Protein backbone atom coordinates (compact mmCIF):
# COMPACT_ATOMS: atom_id res chain seq x y z
CA UNK A 1 -20.88 -67.48 -20.36
CA UNK A 2 -17.70 -65.46 -19.89
CA UNK A 3 -17.87 -62.40 -17.60
CA UNK A 4 -17.15 -59.03 -19.41
CA UNK A 5 -13.66 -57.68 -18.98
CA UNK A 6 -13.43 -55.22 -16.03
CA UNK A 7 -13.29 -51.45 -16.87
CA UNK A 8 -12.13 -50.13 -13.46
CA UNK A 9 -8.74 -48.44 -13.50
CA UNK A 10 -5.76 -50.32 -12.10
CA UNK A 11 -4.82 -49.76 -8.50
CA UNK A 12 -1.26 -48.64 -7.67
CA UNK A 13 0.55 -48.53 -4.42
CA UNK A 14 1.79 -45.02 -3.59
CA UNK A 15 5.37 -45.96 -4.42
CA UNK A 16 4.46 -47.36 -7.72
CA UNK A 17 2.48 -44.01 -8.64
CA UNK A 18 5.41 -42.07 -7.83
CA UNK A 19 7.62 -44.34 -9.98
CA UNK A 20 5.14 -44.02 -12.76
CA UNK A 21 5.11 -40.18 -12.57
CA UNK A 22 8.92 -40.14 -12.66
CA UNK A 23 9.12 -42.37 -15.64
CA UNK A 24 6.75 -40.16 -17.70
CA UNK A 25 8.37 -36.90 -16.33
CA UNK A 26 5.07 -35.80 -14.62
CA UNK A 27 5.26 -33.23 -11.70
CA UNK A 28 2.62 -31.98 -9.24
CA UNK A 29 0.45 -29.16 -10.56
CA UNK A 30 1.35 -25.86 -9.02
CA UNK A 31 4.26 -27.41 -7.03
CA UNK A 32 6.97 -25.09 -5.59
CA UNK A 33 10.10 -25.15 -7.75
CA UNK A 34 13.44 -25.29 -6.20
CA UNK A 35 14.98 -21.79 -5.48
CA UNK A 36 17.37 -21.49 -8.31
CA UNK A 37 14.59 -22.55 -10.73
CA UNK A 38 12.32 -20.03 -9.23
CA UNK A 39 14.97 -17.35 -9.58
CA UNK A 40 15.34 -18.16 -13.41
CA UNK A 41 11.54 -18.15 -13.79
CA UNK A 42 11.44 -14.62 -12.40
CA UNK A 43 14.32 -13.45 -14.61
CA UNK A 44 12.21 -14.91 -17.55
CA UNK A 45 9.28 -12.82 -16.45
CA UNK A 46 11.33 -9.44 -16.05
CA UNK A 47 9.58 -7.77 -18.91
CA UNK A 48 6.19 -8.76 -17.38
CA UNK A 49 7.26 -7.28 -14.05
CA UNK A 50 8.41 -3.90 -15.37
CA UNK A 51 5.22 -3.62 -17.64
CA UNK A 52 2.84 -4.48 -14.75
CA UNK A 53 4.70 -1.95 -12.62
CA UNK A 54 4.33 0.86 -15.29
CA UNK A 55 0.77 0.09 -16.07
CA UNK A 56 -0.08 0.15 -12.31
CA UNK A 57 1.77 3.70 -12.01
CA UNK A 58 -0.08 5.03 -14.95
CA UNK A 59 -3.47 3.83 -13.85
CA UNK A 60 -2.97 4.96 -10.16
CA UNK A 61 -4.28 8.61 -10.88
CA UNK A 62 -6.06 8.03 -14.19
CA UNK A 63 -9.41 9.10 -12.52
CA UNK A 64 -7.95 12.34 -11.25
CA UNK A 65 -8.03 15.42 -13.15
CA UNK A 66 -4.42 16.47 -12.21
CA UNK A 67 -3.54 13.00 -13.12
CA UNK A 68 0.23 12.13 -12.31
CA UNK A 69 0.81 15.61 -10.74
CA UNK A 70 -0.56 13.68 -7.57
CA UNK A 71 2.61 11.81 -7.45
CA UNK A 72 4.44 14.93 -6.58
CA UNK A 73 1.66 16.75 -4.70
CA UNK A 74 0.78 13.95 -2.35
CA UNK A 75 4.15 13.95 -0.34
CA UNK A 76 4.42 17.61 -0.74
CA UNK A 77 1.05 18.23 0.95
CA UNK A 78 2.11 15.88 3.63
CA UNK A 79 5.26 17.81 4.29
CA UNK A 80 3.24 21.00 4.52
CA UNK A 81 0.89 19.56 7.10
CA UNK A 82 3.83 18.17 9.05
CA UNK A 83 5.75 21.49 9.00
CA UNK A 84 2.90 23.39 10.56
CA UNK A 85 1.89 20.71 13.13
CA UNK A 86 5.31 19.56 14.02
CA UNK A 87 7.74 22.34 13.09
CA UNK A 88 5.73 25.41 14.02
CA UNK A 89 3.13 24.30 16.63
CA UNK A 90 5.38 21.54 18.35
CA UNK A 91 8.61 23.69 17.57
CA UNK A 92 10.53 20.49 16.44
CA UNK A 93 12.43 22.68 13.80
CA UNK A 94 14.38 24.40 16.52
CA UNK A 95 17.90 22.98 16.66
CA UNK A 96 17.41 21.41 13.33
CA UNK A 97 19.58 23.49 10.60
CA UNK A 98 17.65 23.58 7.07
CA UNK A 99 14.49 22.27 8.56
CA UNK A 100 12.53 22.39 5.30
CA UNK A 101 14.91 20.28 3.32
CA UNK A 102 15.30 18.09 6.18
CA UNK A 103 11.52 17.58 6.51
CA UNK A 104 10.86 17.29 2.83
CA UNK A 105 13.66 14.69 2.33
CA UNK A 106 12.39 12.70 5.33
CA UNK A 107 8.76 12.70 3.98
CA UNK A 108 9.73 11.64 0.40
CA UNK A 109 12.04 8.79 1.50
CA UNK A 110 9.47 7.48 4.21
CA UNK A 111 6.73 7.52 1.65
CA UNK A 112 8.71 5.22 -0.51
CA UNK A 113 9.04 2.70 2.37
CA UNK A 114 5.49 3.07 3.72
CA UNK A 115 3.85 2.71 0.17
CA UNK A 116 5.94 -0.23 -0.86
CA UNK A 117 4.65 -2.08 2.37
CA UNK A 118 1.23 -0.84 1.89
CA UNK A 119 0.93 -2.14 -1.74
CA UNK A 120 2.76 -5.27 -0.63
CA UNK A 121 -0.15 -6.25 1.67
CA UNK A 122 -2.38 -6.20 -1.24
CA UNK A 123 -0.07 -7.99 -3.84
CA UNK A 124 -1.74 -11.45 -3.76
CA UNK A 125 -5.22 -10.53 -2.38
CA UNK A 126 -5.75 -7.60 -4.77
CA UNK A 127 -4.67 -9.70 -7.83
CA UNK A 128 -6.35 -12.98 -6.79
CA UNK A 129 -8.04 -13.37 -10.21
CA UNK A 130 -4.69 -13.21 -11.99
CA UNK A 131 -3.11 -15.65 -9.45
CA UNK A 132 -5.84 -18.09 -9.87
CA UNK A 133 -5.89 -17.85 -13.72
CA UNK A 134 -2.38 -17.94 -14.83
CA UNK A 135 0.67 -19.89 -13.79
CA UNK A 136 3.71 -17.55 -13.09
CA UNK A 137 6.02 -16.96 -10.21
CA UNK A 138 3.90 -15.20 -7.71
CA UNK A 139 6.93 -13.08 -6.27
CA UNK A 140 6.40 -11.14 -9.62
CA UNK A 141 3.52 -9.33 -8.02
CA UNK A 142 5.25 -7.83 -4.89
CA UNK A 143 8.32 -7.22 -6.88
CA UNK A 144 6.36 -5.32 -9.45
CA UNK A 145 4.52 -3.19 -6.95
CA UNK A 146 7.57 -2.23 -5.13
CA UNK A 147 9.11 -1.40 -8.56
CA UNK A 148 6.09 0.87 -9.04
CA UNK A 149 6.79 2.73 -5.99
CA UNK A 150 10.49 3.23 -6.98
CA UNK A 151 9.33 4.66 -10.37
CA UNK A 152 6.98 6.95 -8.45
CA UNK A 153 9.83 8.16 -6.26
CA UNK A 154 12.16 8.69 -9.09
CA UNK A 155 9.30 10.64 -10.74
CA UNK A 156 8.85 12.94 -7.71
CA UNK A 157 12.56 13.44 -7.05
CA UNK A 158 12.42 16.35 -9.31
CA UNK A 159 10.18 18.19 -6.90
CA UNK A 160 12.44 17.30 -4.10
CA UNK A 161 15.52 18.74 -6.09
CA UNK A 162 13.61 21.96 -6.74
CA UNK A 163 13.00 22.38 -2.99
CA UNK A 164 16.46 21.73 -2.16
CA UNK A 165 17.72 24.32 -4.64
CA UNK A 166 15.11 26.92 -3.51
CA UNK A 167 16.46 26.52 0.19
CA UNK A 168 20.06 26.86 -0.80
CA UNK A 169 21.08 23.30 -1.33
CA UNK A 170 23.03 23.02 -4.45
CA UNK A 171 24.35 19.94 -6.44
CA UNK A 172 27.74 18.64 -5.34
CA UNK A 173 29.67 15.22 -5.40
CA UNK A 174 27.91 14.00 -2.24
CA UNK A 175 24.65 13.80 -4.01
CA UNK A 176 25.97 10.82 -5.78
CA UNK A 177 25.59 8.95 -2.54
CA UNK A 178 21.95 9.06 -3.11
CA UNK A 179 22.21 6.44 -5.79
CA UNK A 180 23.53 3.52 -3.66
CA UNK A 181 21.34 4.75 -0.61
CA UNK A 182 18.18 4.51 -2.82
CA UNK A 183 19.42 1.14 -4.26
CA UNK A 184 19.69 -0.34 -0.64
CA UNK A 185 16.42 0.90 0.35
CA UNK A 186 14.72 -0.42 -2.76
CA UNK A 187 16.09 -3.93 -1.99
CA UNK A 188 14.88 -3.66 1.75
CA UNK A 189 11.52 -2.43 0.68
CA UNK A 190 11.01 -5.32 -1.78
CA UNK A 191 11.88 -7.78 0.98
CA UNK A 192 9.52 -6.31 3.32
CA UNK A 193 6.86 -6.10 0.68
CA UNK A 194 7.12 -9.77 -0.01
CA UNK A 195 6.91 -10.55 3.68
CA UNK A 196 3.73 -8.65 3.88
CA UNK A 197 2.31 -10.21 0.76
CA UNK A 198 2.69 -13.73 2.22
CA UNK A 199 1.29 -12.74 5.60
CA UNK A 200 -1.74 -10.78 4.06
CA UNK A 201 -2.47 -13.57 1.59
CA UNK A 202 -3.10 -15.87 4.66
CA UNK A 203 -4.61 -13.37 7.05
CA UNK A 204 -6.25 -10.42 5.12
CA UNK A 205 -6.86 -8.50 8.38
CA UNK A 206 -3.28 -7.48 8.48
CA UNK A 207 -4.28 -5.01 5.83
CA UNK A 208 -6.28 -3.16 8.36
CA UNK A 209 -3.63 -3.29 10.99
CA UNK A 210 -0.66 -2.03 8.60
CA UNK A 211 -1.63 1.70 8.75
CA UNK A 212 -1.27 1.89 12.34
CA UNK A 213 2.04 -0.02 12.48
CA UNK A 214 3.39 2.27 9.86
CA UNK A 215 2.17 5.48 11.56
CA UNK A 216 4.02 4.43 14.72
CA UNK A 217 7.02 3.46 12.84
CA UNK A 218 7.08 6.81 11.17
CA UNK A 219 6.98 8.65 14.39
CA UNK A 220 9.95 6.55 15.59
CA UNK A 221 11.97 7.05 12.47
CA UNK A 222 12.69 10.87 12.70
CA UNK A 223 10.68 11.95 9.67
CA UNK A 224 9.49 15.12 11.28
CA UNK A 225 12.32 15.75 13.82
CA UNK A 226 15.96 14.92 14.53
CA UNK A 227 16.08 11.72 16.60
CA UNK A 228 19.60 12.80 17.86
CA UNK A 229 18.44 16.20 18.86
CA UNK A 230 15.46 14.78 20.71
CA UNK A 231 17.63 12.30 22.62
CA UNK A 232 20.21 14.78 23.77
CA UNK A 233 20.08 15.05 27.46
CA UNK A 234 17.36 12.53 27.84
CA UNK A 235 17.34 9.52 30.27
CA UNK A 236 16.22 7.01 27.41
CA UNK A 237 17.75 3.57 28.09
CA UNK A 238 20.71 2.80 25.92
CA UNK A 239 19.07 -0.12 24.13
CA UNK A 240 16.12 2.13 23.19
CA UNK A 241 18.47 4.82 21.75
CA UNK A 242 20.43 2.10 19.86
CA UNK A 243 17.21 0.67 18.51
CA UNK A 244 16.19 4.17 17.28
CA UNK A 245 19.48 4.71 15.52
CA UNK A 246 19.63 1.43 13.60
CA UNK A 247 15.90 1.65 12.75
CA UNK A 248 16.07 0.78 9.11
CA UNK A 249 13.68 3.53 8.05
CA UNK A 250 15.70 6.03 9.95
CA UNK A 251 18.92 4.74 8.48
CA UNK A 252 17.82 5.18 4.98
CA UNK A 253 16.32 8.61 5.68
CA UNK A 254 19.40 10.01 7.20
CA UNK A 255 21.57 8.55 4.48
CA UNK A 256 19.57 10.63 1.91
CA UNK A 257 19.74 13.67 4.25
CA UNK A 258 23.50 13.17 4.63
CA UNK A 259 23.88 12.90 0.74
CA UNK A 260 21.74 15.91 -0.04
CA UNK A 261 21.76 18.46 2.82
CA UNK A 262 24.97 20.53 3.67
CA UNK A 263 24.17 20.82 7.27
CA UNK A 264 23.38 17.25 7.83
CA UNK A 265 26.91 15.83 8.82
CA UNK A 266 28.44 12.44 9.32
CA UNK A 267 28.41 13.14 13.13
CA UNK A 268 24.54 12.87 12.87
CA UNK A 269 24.78 9.30 11.51
CA UNK A 270 25.15 6.21 13.72
CA UNK A 271 28.68 4.53 13.46
CA UNK A 272 29.13 2.07 10.49
CA UNK A 273 25.88 3.31 8.89
CA UNK A 274 26.60 1.95 5.47
CA UNK A 275 27.37 -1.52 6.89
CA UNK A 276 24.01 -1.18 8.86
CA UNK A 277 21.99 -0.11 5.68
CA UNK A 278 23.66 -3.04 3.56
CA UNK A 279 22.93 -5.40 6.45
CA UNK A 280 19.16 -4.45 6.42
CA UNK A 281 18.89 -4.58 2.68
CA UNK A 282 20.50 -8.08 2.38
CA UNK A 283 18.65 -9.72 5.41
CA UNK A 284 15.22 -8.31 4.39
CA UNK A 285 15.68 -8.60 0.70
CA UNK A 286 17.00 -12.05 0.60
CA UNK A 287 15.21 -13.31 3.71
CA UNK A 288 11.87 -11.67 2.57
CA UNK A 289 12.27 -13.41 -0.90
CA UNK A 290 12.88 -16.92 0.61
CA UNK A 291 10.12 -16.49 3.07
CA UNK A 292 7.78 -15.62 0.27
CA UNK A 293 8.98 -18.44 -2.05
CA UNK A 294 8.36 -21.19 0.76
CA UNK A 295 4.56 -20.43 0.38
CA UNK A 296 4.45 -20.30 -3.40
CA UNK A 297 2.21 -23.29 -3.90
CA UNK A 298 -0.26 -21.78 -1.56
CA UNK A 299 -1.12 -18.55 -3.09
CA UNK A 300 -4.72 -18.24 -4.56
CA UNK A 301 -5.82 -21.46 -2.94
CA UNK A 302 -8.58 -21.82 -0.34
């Protein structure tokens, strides 16, 4: 009596499986695409990115009675606290002309960077259900959240302009320099946000450490005082002084002060400041994007 035909699947060598998959144009599920393909995929999701950012911005204060007014009130309240603690009690306003515009500009611009980094740490872990349920370029999430912070900054710039007008800073051609300064800062912030998104996706504890790092960085960035004034006559090593001057947060803050405040002159900026700002934007923007892309296939797994 003949034996029944075998129903076990055929056994292929690894090389034969690869050839079979290539012949039928099969690819690994969730495999990382090449960088040019990834960029094209992101461009194809541009409407999702902008809609996601706008929805997040709208929902951010939906439970508060004052609603979107908190987008303006939060940095203003921070600036008020810093003014009394640092400007009045610690007397850091001495030697700084137009201290209130100086302080408020620093607080608004610093908040843009710190908020972008903070939301970046939660870009993957805070949207893990979306990541696991749908297939899309994961960089869409940190980019959208960084865009949300830019939208929030643009919304609150009206309050900054009003404060500048009240304290005698009137529109002039130099204000146009704020546009490229903010554009460079937005690229920088997005790159750092993507770096933090990848790090926090693998090590969630980074989200707990981030506030302490940001607080230290804020103090070193001249938000509440003039770094140049504080260093005058001090015995700080040259390398430390140089690090404080080219600190990216301080560079972007001082560029905005230079653009918006009459008394903040070019002598208070480090040499080649626009080249430094452009370098930070390119290195962190492009480098952060590539760093995030390299772990594309690992997000949402494990």
